[in-house]
């Protein structure tokens, strides 16, 4: 029996969360999944150079990743994390108590005694009428710990392995300071800047293929329109126009590109 060849196709997508008027992201999932899954997968491949993979990174995801990498991405969850705990308004405290346990409790809360204790203090099921009363049972330190834990629990295995500062926060577990929180957010920002660069590097060395979808086709000029990592439309000249008969708008394609470099060589001065 001949061996079976298996190809893994990783489809990575996120809805477009950015409000076109305010520029703010309504949900944090691009940022948090980038720190956990997207970074983990491409970072792990560096340890296994003979493995080849294919990734489909949809334009809406790439554009949002690029916003965070450039420091332009901000979401309401990040805003609530950045604010000093002792300056939080009652509404902001309520938002944190409601939303900062939005993760898998079995794998991302219960394994950490400090985080689990905060969830137990809040309650697993809270009636709508009890939220305002709950605020009085949480100190500024509790809210600061919750700000840190929500972001810390989303840090993937590769970040934890590579970043001693993250391991130290996990070990500390509670009584976090504003400096601890700032250091964690700095690590997040640094990691977000690496994500797209790591995928590009893996593509350049031939370890992965990145697919995208065709936005438009012009057979007269042999041009197709794609979206780049910044989400902008980019026209591309097709080397073999006959292949345009085999694709349609919306089809997934793999793009291979090359660069030419001109070098002038002159004798060194004596």
Protein backbone atom coordinates (compact mmCIF):
# COMPACT_ATOMS: atom_id res chain seq x y z
CA UNK A 1 0.00 0.00 0.00
CA UNK A 2 1.40 3.40 -0.95
CA UNK A 3 1.75 6.02 1.79
CA UNK A 4 -1.00 8.59 2.21
CA UNK A 5 0.06 12.20 1.78
CA UNK A 6 -1.90 14.61 3.96
CA UNK A 7 -1.98 18.39 3.50
CA UNK A 8 -3.17 20.61 6.35
CA UNK A 9 -4.96 23.79 5.31
CA UNK A 10 -5.29 26.27 8.18
CA UNK A 11 -8.12 28.74 7.58
CA UNK A 12 -7.61 31.76 9.83
CA UNK A 13 -10.37 34.32 9.88
CA UNK A 14 -12.01 36.96 12.04
CA UNK A 15 -14.97 39.25 11.35
CA UNK A 16 -14.19 42.91 10.88
CA UNK A 17 -14.66 44.39 14.37
CA UNK A 18 -13.50 47.95 13.65
CA UNK A 19 -16.11 50.70 13.84
CA UNK A 20 -15.55 52.90 10.75
CA UNK A 21 -16.60 56.05 12.63
CA UNK A 22 -14.81 55.71 15.96
CA UNK A 23 -11.97 53.47 14.74
CA UNK A 24 -12.41 51.36 17.88
CA UNK A 25 -12.73 47.57 17.84
CA UNK A 26 -15.91 46.30 19.50
CA UNK A 27 -14.38 42.94 20.50
CA UNK A 28 -10.81 41.88 21.33
CA UNK A 29 -10.66 38.56 19.50
CA UNK A 30 -8.14 39.52 16.80
CA UNK A 31 -5.70 40.75 19.46
CA UNK A 32 -6.23 37.84 21.85
CA UNK A 33 -6.26 35.02 19.29
CA UNK A 34 -3.12 36.51 17.73
CA UNK A 35 -1.36 36.19 21.08
CA UNK A 36 -2.53 32.64 21.55
CA UNK A 37 -3.21 30.68 18.35
CA UNK A 38 -1.83 32.71 15.45
CA UNK A 39 1.55 33.34 17.11
CA UNK A 40 1.81 29.82 18.55
CA UNK A 41 1.30 28.08 15.22
CA UNK A 42 3.83 30.00 13.17
CA UNK A 43 6.35 30.16 16.01
CA UNK A 44 6.19 26.38 16.52
CA UNK A 45 7.02 25.79 12.86
CA UNK A 46 10.44 27.37 13.41
CA UNK A 47 11.30 24.32 15.53
CA UNK A 48 10.27 21.89 12.76
CA UNK A 49 11.83 23.19 9.52
CA UNK A 50 10.97 20.10 7.44
CA UNK A 51 7.23 20.53 8.01
CA UNK A 52 5.31 22.41 5.30
CA UNK A 53 1.95 24.06 5.92
CA UNK A 54 -0.63 26.15 4.06
CA UNK A 55 -2.42 29.09 5.69
CA UNK A 56 -5.39 31.02 4.41
CA UNK A 57 -5.27 34.44 6.07
CA UNK A 58 -8.40 36.32 5.13
CA UNK A 59 -8.08 40.06 4.35
CA UNK A 60 -10.29 41.18 7.26
CA UNK A 61 -7.95 39.39 9.69
CA UNK A 62 -4.77 40.71 8.09
CA UNK A 63 -5.94 44.29 8.12
CA UNK A 64 -6.84 44.13 11.80
CA UNK A 65 -3.56 42.40 12.69
CA UNK A 66 -1.74 45.15 10.85
CA UNK A 67 -3.64 47.81 12.81
CA UNK A 68 -2.54 46.27 16.11
CA UNK A 69 1.03 45.79 14.83
CA UNK A 70 1.22 49.48 13.91
CA UNK A 71 -0.18 50.55 17.28
CA UNK A 72 -3.40 51.82 15.68
CA UNK A 73 -5.65 49.00 16.89
CA UNK A 74 -7.56 49.60 20.08
CA UNK A 75 -10.55 47.78 21.49
CA UNK A 76 -12.86 48.50 24.39
CA UNK A 77 -11.39 45.60 26.37
CA UNK A 78 -7.89 47.02 25.94
CA UNK A 79 -9.09 50.47 27.03
CA UNK A 80 -10.58 48.96 30.19
CA UNK A 81 -7.30 47.14 30.85
CA UNK A 82 -5.12 50.21 30.45
CA UNK A 83 -7.04 52.38 32.88
CA UNK A 84 -5.58 52.39 36.42
CA UNK A 85 -7.74 50.22 38.64
CA UNK A 86 -8.23 52.91 41.28
CA UNK A 87 -9.65 55.28 38.62
CA UNK A 88 -12.31 52.94 37.23
CA UNK A 89 -15.87 54.24 37.23
CA UNK A 90 -18.73 52.02 38.46
CA UNK A 91 -19.76 51.31 34.85
CA UNK A 92 -16.20 50.36 33.92
CA UNK A 93 -15.96 48.06 36.93
CA UNK A 94 -19.23 46.43 35.93
CA UNK A 95 -17.94 45.93 32.37
CA UNK A 96 -14.82 44.21 33.70
CA UNK A 97 -16.74 41.91 36.05
CA UNK A 98 -19.09 40.89 33.24
CA UNK A 99 -16.56 40.52 30.41
CA UNK A 100 -13.12 39.72 31.82
CA UNK A 101 -13.94 36.04 32.29
CA UNK A 102 -14.73 35.55 28.58
CA UNK A 103 -12.54 32.51 28.01
CA UNK A 104 -12.64 28.77 28.57
CA UNK A 105 -12.99 28.43 32.34
CA UNK A 106 -11.71 24.86 32.44
CA UNK A 107 -8.41 25.57 30.68
CA UNK A 108 -7.87 29.30 31.20
CA UNK A 109 -9.32 30.13 34.63
CA UNK A 110 -9.43 27.08 36.92
CA UNK A 111 -5.73 26.18 36.47
CA UNK A 112 -4.78 29.54 38.03
CA UNK A 113 -5.81 29.90 41.69
CA UNK A 114 -5.78 33.69 41.62
CA UNK A 115 -8.04 33.92 38.57
CA UNK A 116 -10.32 31.13 39.79
CA UNK A 117 -10.73 32.82 43.17
CA UNK A 118 -11.90 36.01 41.45
CA UNK A 119 -14.48 34.09 39.41
CA UNK A 120 -15.75 32.32 42.51
CA UNK A 121 -16.00 35.66 44.30
CA UNK A 122 -18.02 37.06 41.40
CA UNK A 123 -20.13 33.94 40.99
CA UNK A 124 -20.52 31.58 38.06
CA UNK A 125 -24.06 32.78 37.31
CA UNK A 126 -24.97 36.32 38.27
CA UNK A 127 -28.56 37.63 38.00
CA UNK A 128 -28.77 40.95 36.16
CA UNK A 129 -30.09 42.68 39.27
CA UNK A 130 -26.99 41.74 41.34
CA UNK A 131 -24.22 43.38 39.29
CA UNK A 132 -24.33 46.76 41.03
CA UNK A 133 -24.24 45.17 44.48
CA UNK A 134 -21.23 43.04 43.50
CA UNK A 135 -19.08 46.11 42.85
CA UNK A 136 -18.80 46.82 46.57
CA UNK A 137 -17.26 43.39 47.23
CA UNK A 138 -14.28 43.99 44.94
CA UNK A 139 -11.30 46.18 45.85
CA UNK A 140 -9.11 48.15 43.46
CA UNK A 141 -6.54 45.38 43.85
CA UNK A 142 -9.15 42.80 42.80
CA UNK A 143 -9.95 44.77 39.66
CA UNK A 144 -6.26 45.21 38.84
CA UNK A 145 -5.69 41.47 39.27
CA UNK A 146 -8.64 40.80 36.98
CA UNK A 147 -7.30 43.23 34.37
CA UNK A 148 -4.01 41.34 34.38
CA UNK A 149 -5.43 37.83 34.51
CA UNK A 150 -7.80 38.27 31.59
CA UNK A 151 -4.91 39.33 29.35
CA UNK A 152 -2.39 36.94 30.89
CA UNK A 153 -4.54 33.85 30.38
CA UNK A 154 -4.65 34.57 26.63
CA UNK A 155 -0.86 34.49 26.30
CA UNK A 156 -0.03 31.36 24.29
CA UNK A 157 2.42 28.59 25.11
CA UNK A 158 5.16 29.97 22.87
CA UNK A 159 5.05 33.43 24.46
CA UNK A 160 5.21 31.87 27.92
CA UNK A 161 8.20 29.80 26.89
CA UNK A 162 10.08 32.71 25.36
CA UNK A 163 9.17 35.51 27.77
CA UNK A 164 10.44 35.29 31.32
CA UNK A 165 8.34 38.33 32.29
CA UNK A 166 5.17 36.38 31.44
CA UNK A 167 6.30 33.36 33.46
CA UNK A 168 7.03 35.63 36.42
CA UNK A 169 3.49 37.06 36.32
CA UNK A 170 2.03 33.55 36.15
CA UNK A 171 4.12 32.59 39.16
CA UNK A 172 3.14 35.75 41.08
CA UNK A 173 -0.56 34.98 40.62
CA UNK A 174 -2.07 37.93 42.50
CA UNK A 175 -1.42 41.37 43.99
CA UNK A 176 -0.32 42.67 40.59
CA UNK A 177 0.86 46.26 40.31
CA UNK A 178 0.20 48.83 37.62
CA UNK A 179 3.81 48.27 36.55
CA UNK A 180 3.08 44.55 36.14
CA UNK A 181 0.11 45.39 33.96
CA UNK A 182 2.12 47.83 31.85
CA UNK A 183 4.85 45.24 31.32
CA UNK A 184 2.28 42.67 30.19
CA UNK A 185 0.71 45.09 27.70
CA UNK A 186 4.17 45.95 26.38
CA UNK A 187 4.84 42.25 25.77
CA UNK A 188 1.49 41.99 24.01
CA UNK A 189 2.34 44.89 21.70
CA UNK A 190 5.77 43.47 20.89
CA UNK A 191 4.26 40.07 20.08
CA UNK A 192 1.56 41.56 17.86
CA UNK A 193 4.26 43.30 15.83
CA UNK A 194 5.92 39.92 15.22
CA UNK A 195 2.93 37.92 13.98
CA UNK A 196 2.72 39.05 10.34
CA UNK A 197 6.52 39.22 10.10
CA UNK A 198 6.82 35.57 11.18
CA UNK A 199 4.36 34.43 8.52
CA UNK A 200 6.20 36.44 5.88
CA UNK A 201 9.54 34.98 6.96
CA UNK A 202 8.19 31.41 6.82
CA UNK A 203 6.77 32.09 3.36
CA UNK A 204 10.09 33.53 2.18
CA UNK A 205 12.04 30.44 3.27
CA UNK A 206 9.51 28.18 1.55
CA UNK A 207 8.12 26.54 4.69
CA UNK A 208 4.56 27.76 4.25
CA UNK A 209 2.24 28.88 1.50
CA UNK A 210 -0.18 31.73 2.13
CA UNK A 211 -3.40 31.80 0.14
CA UNK A 212 -5.77 34.68 -0.40
CA UNK A 213 -8.94 35.32 -2.39
CA UNK A 214 -9.26 37.11 -5.72
CA UNK A 215 -11.21 40.36 -5.53
CA UNK A 216 -11.34 41.21 -9.26
CA UNK A 217 -10.12 39.90 -12.64
CA UNK A 218 -9.29 41.91 -15.76
CA UNK A 219 -8.51 39.51 -18.60
CA UNK A 220 -7.79 42.33 -21.09
CA UNK A 221 -4.80 43.49 -19.05
CA UNK A 222 -4.02 40.12 -17.42
CA UNK A 223 -4.44 41.70 -14.00
CA UNK A 224 -6.01 40.34 -10.82
CA UNK A 225 -6.79 42.36 -7.71
CA UNK A 226 -5.84 40.93 -4.32
CA UNK A 227 -5.69 42.24 -0.79
CA UNK A 228 -2.36 42.60 0.94
CA UNK A 229 -1.44 42.28 4.62
CA UNK A 230 -2.67 45.82 5.23
CA UNK A 231 -6.07 44.97 3.73
CA UNK A 232 -5.55 47.30 0.77
CA UNK A 233 -6.41 46.25 -2.78
CA UNK A 234 -3.35 45.44 -4.86
CA UNK A 235 -3.35 44.82 -8.64
CA UNK A 236 -1.04 41.97 -9.72
CA UNK A 237 0.14 41.18 -13.25
CA UNK A 238 -0.35 37.49 -14.08
CA UNK A 239 2.66 35.96 -15.82
CA UNK A 240 0.60 33.34 -17.68
CA UNK A 241 -2.71 34.96 -18.84
CA UNK A 242 -4.11 31.56 -19.91
CA UNK A 243 -4.51 30.65 -16.21
CA UNK A 244 -7.10 33.39 -15.78
CA UNK A 245 -9.64 31.15 -17.53
CA UNK A 246 -9.37 28.73 -14.60
CA UNK A 247 -10.11 31.17 -11.76
CA UNK A 248 -13.01 33.30 -10.66
CA UNK A 249 -13.59 36.12 -8.20
CA UNK A 250 -13.64 34.62 -4.72
CA UNK A 251 -11.30 31.73 -5.57
CA UNK A 252 -8.38 31.02 -3.27
CA UNK A 253 -4.95 31.40 -4.83
CA UNK A 254 -1.34 31.07 -3.77
CA UNK A 255 0.88 33.96 -4.74
CA UNK A 256 4.56 33.61 -5.57
CA UNK A 257 6.57 36.77 -6.09
CA UNK A 258 10.19 37.64 -6.69
CA UNK A 259 12.35 40.74 -6.51
CA UNK A 260 15.19 41.82 -8.75
CA UNK A 261 18.14 43.68 -7.30
CA UNK A 262 20.59 45.69 -9.39
CA UNK A 263 24.15 45.79 -8.03
CA UNK A 264 27.01 47.88 -9.34
CA UNK A 265 30.49 46.44 -8.72
CA UNK A 266 33.45 48.81 -8.83
CA UNK A 267 37.12 48.42 -7.87
CA UNK A 268 37.89 49.38 -4.29
CA UNK A 269 39.91 52.62 -3.97
CA UNK A 270 43.61 52.09 -3.43
